[in-house]
Amino acid sequence: MHSIRERLAQDVAALRETLDMERDEARSEVQALLQSVLDVNRAYLLAHPERVLTEQEFSRYQSLLQRRLLGEPLAYIQGEREFFGLNFKVSPATLIPRADTELLVEQALARIPSQGPYRVLDLGTGSGAIAISIALARADIEVTAVDASEVALAVAQENARRLAVANVNLLRSDWYNALAGQRYNLIVSNPPYIAAADNHLSQGDLRFEPISALASGTDGLDDIRRIIEGAHAHLEDGSWLLLEHGYDQAAAVRGLLNQAGFEKVCSDKDLAGIERVSRGCRPQEI
């Protein structure tokens, strides 16, 4: 017999022991796997703990659980992740959207005027989470999102279709390469920013995510340098560049922005009090 109650009791313990998870996190993940298999919501699980899984359901659940016990991220197992109140399809071709990145969206939206034509560029869009979140919050603006990976762009295109967003233009481009002559009122990016030799790349969820979307040179700043160096040619006067970066990179990114001639350079903190997004404004004349 494999009831919901029994699975929670046994498999929460297994996740805690194998992946060193807190009890609440492990319980939430087991519930998520059961919800996927049974196609029910969390309230159903709580209301029907005696519900027994069929052999077919249990077999599918065990398959998903084993993948999680081997460390595969829950988002890849389920094929989706919530971000900014929206459900995005994800795959091993894209980074998993994280709550920290919502700060980048919030800071972008705070700089978009309430009226008038406005063009936003999202560099390295991956699943499209940032671009689509901005576009859905402001249906009156134009958002361009680029990525060098065709497979990642296909995921972003699927998300745009599923979320019925009409004001996002998705293009294949290695940063600015396909954008000659194009200028924008705001550029945002969550680029690769982990040092290539960082031990974290071989730990946890990062083991399963695309290395090209994670690592960037010996200090993790190679792609951020490229973005900053090319930004002036694609920003209107008085427009902003916003960059997400690592927990210990804010000072270095501010230095790069200052060296490139940006004004009003500063960093914004996430909910944990970590400087997570740095920004600079293109001078009126440069």
Protein backbone atom coordinates (compact mmCIF):
# COMPACT_ATOMS: atom_id res chain seq x y z
CA MET A 1 0.00 0.00 0.00
CA HIS A 2 1.32 3.42 -0.94
CA SER A 3 -0.87 6.14 0.52
CA ILE A 4 -0.11 9.84 0.42
CA ARG A 5 0.48 9.73 4.18
CA GLU A 6 2.97 6.86 3.90
CA ARG A 7 4.86 8.47 1.03
CA LEU A 8 5.22 11.72 2.93
CA ALA A 9 6.46 9.95 6.05
CA GLN A 10 9.04 7.80 4.27
CA ASP A 11 10.21 10.02 1.44
CA VAL A 12 10.60 13.24 3.39
CA ALA A 13 13.08 11.36 5.56
CA ALA A 14 14.87 10.01 2.48
CA LEU A 15 15.28 13.49 0.96
CA ARG A 16 16.49 14.93 4.24
CA GLU A 17 19.11 12.24 4.65
CA THR A 18 20.29 12.09 1.04
CA LEU A 19 20.24 15.79 0.11
CA ASP A 20 20.71 17.29 3.59
CA MET A 21 17.46 19.24 3.33
CA GLU A 22 15.41 20.90 6.04
CA ARG A 23 12.22 19.05 6.93
CA ASP A 24 9.83 21.70 5.58
CA GLU A 25 11.71 21.92 2.28
CA ALA A 26 11.78 18.13 1.89
CA ARG A 27 8.06 17.87 2.70
CA SER A 28 7.27 20.59 0.15
CA GLU A 29 9.24 18.74 -2.54
CA VAL A 30 7.57 15.39 -1.87
CA GLN A 31 4.21 17.12 -2.04
CA ALA A 32 5.21 18.73 -5.34
CA LEU A 33 6.13 15.33 -6.82
CA LEU A 34 2.86 13.81 -5.65
CA GLN A 35 0.93 16.74 -7.09
CA SER A 36 2.62 16.21 -10.46
CA VAL A 37 1.83 12.50 -10.55
CA LEU A 38 -1.74 12.76 -9.25
CA ASP A 39 -2.52 16.03 -11.05
CA VAL A 40 -3.95 17.58 -7.88
CA ASN A 41 -3.22 20.65 -5.77
CA ARG A 42 -1.63 20.76 -2.32
CA ALA A 43 -5.01 21.18 -0.64
CA TYR A 44 -6.08 17.80 -2.06
CA LEU A 45 -3.04 16.10 -0.54
CA LEU A 46 -3.80 17.59 2.87
CA ALA A 47 -7.47 16.66 2.67
CA HIS A 48 -6.93 13.06 1.44
CA PRO A 49 -3.86 11.61 3.20
CA GLU A 50 -5.42 8.14 3.00
CA ARG A 51 -5.55 8.22 -0.85
CA VAL A 52 -3.69 5.17 -2.19
CA LEU A 53 -1.61 5.50 -5.35
CA THR A 54 -2.29 3.01 -8.11
CA GLU A 55 0.62 0.86 -9.25
CA GLN A 56 1.03 3.05 -12.33
CA GLU A 57 0.99 6.24 -10.26
CA PHE A 58 3.43 4.80 -7.75
CA SER A 59 5.81 3.67 -10.49
CA ARG A 60 5.83 7.15 -12.03
CA TYR A 61 6.24 8.78 -8.62
CA GLN A 62 9.17 6.51 -7.74
CA SER A 63 10.86 7.41 -11.02
CA LEU A 64 10.58 11.13 -10.25
CA LEU A 65 11.68 10.65 -6.65
CA GLN A 66 14.80 8.74 -7.68
CA ARG A 67 15.77 11.56 -10.03
CA ARG A 68 15.45 14.02 -7.14
CA LEU A 69 17.43 11.77 -4.80
CA LEU A 70 20.24 11.82 -7.38
CA GLY A 71 20.25 15.60 -7.09
CA GLU A 72 18.38 16.63 -10.24
CA PRO A 73 16.62 19.96 -9.58
CA LEU A 74 12.91 19.75 -8.89
CA ALA A 75 12.27 22.41 -11.57
CA TYR A 76 13.76 20.17 -14.28
CA ILE A 77 11.85 17.15 -13.02
CA GLN A 78 8.56 19.05 -13.11
CA GLY A 79 9.50 21.02 -16.22
CA GLU A 80 8.47 24.35 -14.76
CA ARG A 81 9.24 26.96 -12.11
CA GLU A 82 7.27 29.88 -10.72
CA PHE A 83 8.82 33.32 -11.18
CA PHE A 84 7.28 36.73 -10.52
CA GLY A 85 3.89 35.08 -10.00
CA LEU A 86 4.01 33.24 -13.35
CA ASN A 87 4.72 29.59 -14.25
CA PHE A 88 7.58 29.21 -16.72
CA LYS A 89 8.58 26.12 -18.63
CA VAL A 90 12.23 25.23 -17.98
CA SER A 91 14.60 22.62 -19.35
CA PRO A 92 18.27 21.69 -18.90
CA ALA A 93 18.96 24.14 -21.75
CA THR A 94 18.04 27.07 -19.51
CA LEU A 95 18.85 28.34 -16.06
CA ILE A 96 16.21 27.78 -13.42
CA PRO A 97 14.61 31.16 -12.61
CA ARG A 98 15.34 32.12 -9.01
CA ALA A 99 13.58 34.41 -6.58
CA ASP A 100 16.71 36.61 -6.31
CA THR A 101 16.28 37.59 -9.96
CA GLU A 102 12.85 39.09 -9.26
CA LEU A 103 14.77 42.10 -7.91
CA LEU A 104 16.07 42.73 -11.45
CA VAL A 105 12.51 42.77 -12.80
CA GLU A 106 11.33 45.05 -10.01
CA GLN A 107 14.16 47.53 -10.59
CA ALA A 108 13.50 47.49 -14.33
CA LEU A 109 9.78 48.18 -13.91
CA ALA A 110 10.56 51.01 -11.48
CA ARG A 111 12.47 52.81 -14.25
CA ILE A 112 9.88 52.51 -17.00
CA PRO A 113 7.77 55.68 -17.29
CA SER A 114 4.00 55.38 -17.07
CA GLN A 115 3.47 56.65 -20.61
CA GLY A 116 5.17 56.96 -23.97
CA PRO A 117 6.98 54.54 -26.28
CA TYR A 118 9.64 52.52 -24.49
CA ARG A 119 12.04 49.80 -25.63
CA VAL A 120 13.62 47.23 -23.29
CA LEU A 121 16.41 44.77 -24.16
CA ASP A 122 16.98 41.55 -22.17
CA LEU A 123 20.39 40.02 -22.86
CA GLY A 124 20.79 36.25 -22.39
CA THR A 125 17.09 35.63 -21.86
CA GLY A 126 17.22 31.85 -21.29
CA SER A 127 13.68 30.75 -20.43
CA GLY A 128 12.46 34.29 -21.10
CA ALA A 129 11.40 34.77 -17.48
CA ILE A 130 12.77 38.31 -17.12
CA ALA A 131 11.63 39.62 -20.49
CA ILE A 132 8.17 38.06 -20.31
CA SER A 133 7.60 39.22 -16.74
CA ILE A 134 8.42 42.80 -17.74
CA ALA A 135 6.34 42.59 -20.91
CA LEU A 136 3.26 41.23 -19.14
CA ALA A 137 3.53 43.90 -16.44
CA ARG A 138 3.70 46.60 -19.11
CA ALA A 139 1.77 45.60 -22.23
CA ASP A 140 2.33 49.08 -23.70
CA ILE A 141 6.10 48.72 -24.14
CA GLU A 142 8.30 46.80 -26.59
CA VAL A 143 10.65 44.13 -25.21
CA THR A 144 13.43 42.47 -27.20
CA ALA A 145 15.00 39.34 -25.71
CA VAL A 146 18.11 37.64 -27.11
CA ASP A 147 20.07 34.48 -26.43
CA ALA A 148 22.92 32.73 -28.22
CA SER A 149 21.33 29.31 -27.69
CA GLU A 150 18.69 28.14 -30.16
CA VAL A 151 17.46 25.55 -27.68
CA ALA A 152 17.02 28.16 -24.93
CA LEU A 153 15.19 30.44 -27.37
CA ALA A 154 12.78 27.62 -28.17
CA VAL A 155 11.93 27.39 -24.46
CA ALA A 156 11.45 31.17 -24.28
CA GLN A 157 9.22 31.07 -27.35
CA GLU A 158 7.09 28.35 -25.76
CA ASN A 159 6.76 30.43 -22.59
CA ALA A 160 5.74 33.48 -24.60
CA ARG A 161 3.09 31.39 -26.33
CA ARG A 162 1.79 29.78 -23.15
CA LEU A 163 1.57 33.10 -21.33
CA ALA A 164 0.03 34.86 -24.36
CA VAL A 165 2.52 37.73 -24.36
CA ALA A 166 2.36 39.81 -27.54
CA ASN A 167 5.01 42.49 -26.95
CA VAL A 168 8.19 40.37 -26.78
CA ASN A 169 10.48 39.89 -29.78
CA LEU A 170 12.83 36.91 -29.39
CA LEU A 171 16.08 36.86 -31.39
CA ARG A 172 19.17 34.69 -31.57
CA SER A 173 22.18 36.84 -30.78
CA ASP A 174 25.49 36.52 -28.95
CA TRP A 175 24.93 39.55 -26.73
CA TYR A 176 24.72 42.55 -29.11
CA ASN A 177 25.98 40.86 -32.29
CA ALA A 178 22.60 40.79 -34.10
CA LEU A 179 21.50 44.22 -32.86
CA ALA A 180 23.57 46.59 -35.00
CA GLY A 181 22.03 50.06 -35.05
CA GLN A 182 19.37 49.23 -32.46
CA ARG A 183 18.96 51.43 -29.38
CA TYR A 184 16.91 50.88 -26.26
CA ASN A 185 15.61 52.83 -23.29
CA LEU A 186 16.64 50.12 -20.84
CA ILE A 187 18.96 47.10 -20.94
CA VAL A 188 18.69 44.30 -18.38
CA SER A 189 20.67 41.10 -18.01
CA ASN A 190 21.24 38.17 -15.70
CA PRO A 191 24.43 36.94 -17.40
CA PRO A 192 26.85 34.17 -16.43
CA TYR A 193 28.86 35.45 -13.47
CA ILE A 194 30.47 32.47 -11.70
CA ALA A 195 34.24 31.99 -11.87
CA ALA A 196 35.11 29.02 -14.09
CA ALA A 197 37.00 27.25 -11.29
CA ASP A 198 34.37 27.84 -8.61
CA ASN A 199 33.65 24.64 -6.67
CA HIS A 200 29.93 25.49 -6.54
CA LEU A 201 29.64 24.54 -10.21
CA SER A 202 30.02 20.88 -9.21
CA GLN A 203 27.53 21.07 -6.34
CA GLY A 204 23.76 21.07 -5.93
CA ASP A 205 21.47 22.25 -8.72
CA LEU A 206 24.33 23.92 -10.59
CA ARG A 207 25.63 20.49 -11.66
CA PHE A 208 22.59 20.13 -13.91
CA GLU A 209 22.32 23.65 -15.32
CA PRO A 210 24.03 24.74 -18.59
CA ILE A 211 27.62 25.74 -17.84
CA SER A 212 27.51 28.37 -20.60
CA ALA A 213 24.82 30.21 -18.62
CA LEU A 214 26.76 30.02 -15.36
CA ALA A 215 30.52 30.46 -15.76
CA SER A 216 32.33 33.45 -17.24
CA GLY A 217 36.11 33.51 -17.09
CA THR A 218 38.55 33.32 -14.22
CA ASP A 219 36.78 35.97 -12.11
CA GLY A 220 33.24 35.40 -13.39
CA LEU A 221 33.06 38.88 -14.94
CA ASP A 222 33.99 38.30 -18.59
CA ASP A 223 30.42 38.51 -19.90
CA ILE A 224 29.55 41.43 -17.65
CA ARG A 225 32.54 43.28 -19.11
CA ARG A 226 31.29 42.57 -22.65
CA ILE A 227 27.81 43.78 -21.80
CA ILE A 228 29.05 46.99 -20.19
CA GLU A 229 31.52 47.72 -23.01
CA GLY A 230 28.83 47.34 -25.66
CA ALA A 231 25.99 49.05 -23.82
CA HIS A 232 26.67 52.67 -24.81
CA ALA A 233 26.17 51.85 -28.50
CA HIS A 234 22.71 50.43 -27.75
CA LEU A 235 21.37 52.77 -25.06
CA GLU A 236 19.56 56.04 -25.61
CA ASP A 237 20.95 59.05 -23.75
CA GLY A 238 19.90 59.03 -20.10
CA SER A 239 18.95 55.34 -20.18
CA TRP A 240 19.81 52.59 -17.71
CA LEU A 241 21.80 49.35 -17.73
CA LEU A 242 20.82 46.88 -14.97
CA LEU A 243 22.91 43.79 -14.22
CA GLU A 244 22.43 40.89 -11.83
CA HIS A 245 25.68 39.50 -10.40
CA GLY A 246 27.11 37.34 -7.66
CA TYR A 247 26.81 38.01 -3.95
CA ASP A 248 30.39 39.35 -3.71
CA GLN A 249 30.70 41.15 -7.07
CA ALA A 250 28.81 44.40 -6.52
CA ALA A 251 31.89 46.54 -5.91
CA ALA A 252 33.66 45.12 -8.96
CA VAL A 253 30.63 45.67 -11.20
CA ARG A 254 30.19 49.24 -9.95
CA GLY A 255 33.85 49.80 -10.77
CA LEU A 256 33.36 48.52 -14.31
CA LEU A 257 30.31 50.75 -14.78
CA ASN A 258 32.20 53.80 -13.52
CA GLN A 259 35.19 53.04 -15.74
CA ALA A 260 32.87 52.83 -18.75
CA GLY A 261 31.51 56.31 -18.08
CA PHE A 262 28.14 55.45 -16.56
CA GLU A 263 26.55 57.86 -14.10
CA LYS A 264 24.39 57.35 -10.98
CA VAL A 265 26.08 54.00 -10.41
CA CYS A 266 24.72 52.04 -7.45
CA SER A 267 23.68 48.58 -6.27
CA ASP A 268 20.37 47.26 -4.96
CA LYS A 269 19.93 44.63 -2.24
CA ASP A 270 17.79 41.52 -2.41
CA LEU A 271 15.54 40.30 0.43
CA ALA A 272 18.55 38.75 2.16
CA GLY A 273 20.31 42.12 2.23
CA ILE A 274 22.83 41.10 -0.46
CA GLU A 275 23.78 43.56 -3.20
CA ARG A 276 22.40 41.56 -6.13
CA VAL A 277 21.73 44.10 -8.93
CA SER A 278 23.99 46.95 -10.01
CA ARG A 279 23.00 49.74 -12.38
CA GLY A 280 24.30 52.76 -14.21
CA CYS A 281 22.85 55.48 -16.39
CA ARG A 282 24.22 56.45 -19.80
CA PRO A 283 25.07 60.18 -19.77
CA GLN A 284 22.99 62.51 -21.93
CA GLU A 285 25.93 62.99 -24.29
CA ILE A 286 28.85 60.59 -24.55
